[in-house]
Amino acid sequence: MNRKIQLLGAACSLTVISASATYAFDRETTEALKACHDEVWTVDAYADLPNAAISVWPASSEDGLTKVYWVVDWTDPDIQAAGQCQYQAGGVIGFEPFD
């Protein structure tokens, strides 16, 4: 009986760990992240940088408007920049660097 309880406890722990390690964004957030990531590449100073130089993550989402933070960090050439992008109705409607 003790062995069954131990096995059940271990199985529950694995379930909790695997469930908490997985997180997916909704479609709107995913589309906003992709669009804003691509928008960063339209800036001449970042256009030739590799994909690894650009990071994006969601800031907020309300009433169909999703705000995304972006960061460019690369060493050859030495570039560090950050900003915010706004996405709504299937497209980027605002893009600004933080100076």
Protein backbone atom coordinates (compact mmCIF):
# COMPACT_ATOMS: atom_id res chain seq x y z
CA MET A 1 0.00 0.00 0.00
CA ASN A 2 2.82 2.41 0.89
CA ARG A 3 4.49 1.68 -2.45
CA LYS A 4 1.30 2.56 -4.34
CA ILE A 5 1.03 5.88 -2.50
CA GLN A 6 4.67 6.67 -3.30
CA LEU A 7 4.16 5.88 -6.99
CA LEU A 8 0.98 7.96 -7.08
CA GLY A 9 2.80 10.87 -5.45
CA ALA A 10 5.65 10.63 -7.95
CA ALA A 11 3.21 10.51 -10.87
CA CYS A 12 1.35 13.58 -9.58
CA SER A 13 4.62 15.46 -9.12
CA LEU A 14 5.68 14.72 -12.70
CA THR A 15 2.30 15.84 -13.98
CA VAL A 16 2.53 19.15 -12.12
CA ILE A 17 6.11 19.74 -13.27
CA SER A 18 5.37 18.96 -16.91
CA ALA A 19 2.18 21.04 -16.89
CA SER A 20 3.90 24.06 -15.39
CA ALA A 21 6.87 23.82 -17.78
CA THR A 22 4.60 24.15 -20.81
CA TYR A 23 3.05 27.49 -21.67
CA ALA A 24 1.63 28.57 -24.99
CA PHE A 25 0.58 32.02 -26.11
CA ASP A 26 -2.80 32.52 -27.75
CA ARG A 27 -2.90 33.07 -31.51
CA GLU A 28 -3.24 36.87 -31.30
CA THR A 29 -0.19 37.14 -29.04
CA THR A 30 1.82 34.79 -31.24
CA GLU A 31 0.94 36.78 -34.36
CA ALA A 32 1.84 40.04 -32.59
CA LEU A 33 5.21 38.64 -31.50
CA LYS A 34 6.00 37.46 -35.04
CA ALA A 35 4.91 40.73 -36.65
CA CYS A 36 6.86 42.88 -34.21
CA HIS A 37 9.95 40.68 -34.55
CA ASP A 38 9.77 41.15 -38.32
CA GLU A 39 9.17 44.89 -37.89
CA VAL A 40 12.49 45.24 -36.05
CA TRP A 41 14.24 43.95 -39.18
CA THR A 42 12.78 46.81 -41.23
CA VAL A 43 14.99 49.26 -39.33
CA ASP A 44 18.13 49.82 -41.42
CA ALA A 45 20.47 49.53 -38.42
CA TYR A 46 19.14 46.04 -37.60
CA ALA A 47 18.35 44.70 -41.07
CA ASP A 48 21.55 42.65 -41.44
CA LEU A 49 21.57 41.18 -37.94
CA PRO A 50 20.88 37.47 -37.39
CA ASN A 51 17.65 36.21 -35.86
CA ALA A 52 19.43 35.58 -32.55
CA ALA A 53 20.09 39.31 -32.10
CA ILE A 54 16.38 40.13 -31.75
CA SER A 55 14.16 39.16 -28.82
CA VAL A 56 10.48 39.92 -28.32
CA TRP A 57 8.03 39.24 -25.51
CA PRO A 58 4.46 40.29 -24.76
CA ALA A 59 3.91 43.36 -22.60
CA SER A 60 0.10 43.58 -22.47
CA SER A 61 -3.04 42.82 -24.41
CA GLU A 62 -6.40 44.54 -24.10
CA ASP A 63 -9.36 45.07 -26.44
CA GLY A 64 -7.53 43.64 -29.45
CA LEU A 65 -4.40 45.76 -28.94
CA THR A 66 -1.26 43.80 -28.08
CA LYS A 67 1.90 45.56 -26.95
CA VAL A 68 5.22 43.81 -27.44
CA TYR A 69 8.63 44.71 -26.03
CA TRP A 70 11.65 44.13 -28.25
CA VAL A 71 15.39 44.07 -27.63
CA VAL A 72 18.32 44.02 -30.04
CA ASP A 73 21.58 42.87 -28.48
CA TRP A 74 24.56 41.92 -30.63
CA THR A 75 28.33 42.27 -30.42
CA ASP A 76 29.51 42.27 -34.04
CA PRO A 77 28.61 45.01 -34.77
CA ASP A 78 28.08 46.24 -31.22
CA ILE A 79 24.37 47.12 -31.03
CA GLN A 80 22.05 47.37 -28.03
CA ALA A 81 18.55 48.78 -28.45
CA ALA A 82 15.08 48.27 -27.03
CA GLY A 83 11.58 49.44 -27.69
CA GLN A 84 7.90 48.71 -27.94
CA CYS A 85 5.65 47.63 -30.78
CA GLN A 86 1.84 47.79 -30.97
CA TYR A 87 -0.16 45.23 -32.93
CA GLN A 88 -3.86 45.35 -33.78
CA ALA A 89 -6.21 43.94 -36.42
CA GLY A 90 -3.53 41.82 -38.07
CA GLY A 91 -0.78 44.41 -38.35
CA VAL A 92 1.77 46.58 -36.61
CA ILE A 93 0.24 49.99 -35.85
CA GLY A 94 3.03 51.46 -33.75
CA PHE A 95 6.76 50.97 -33.38
CA GLU A 96 9.09 53.00 -31.19
CA PRO A 97 12.59 52.62 -29.79
CA PHE A 98 13.29 53.55 -26.18
CA ASP A 99 15.97 56.24 -26.26
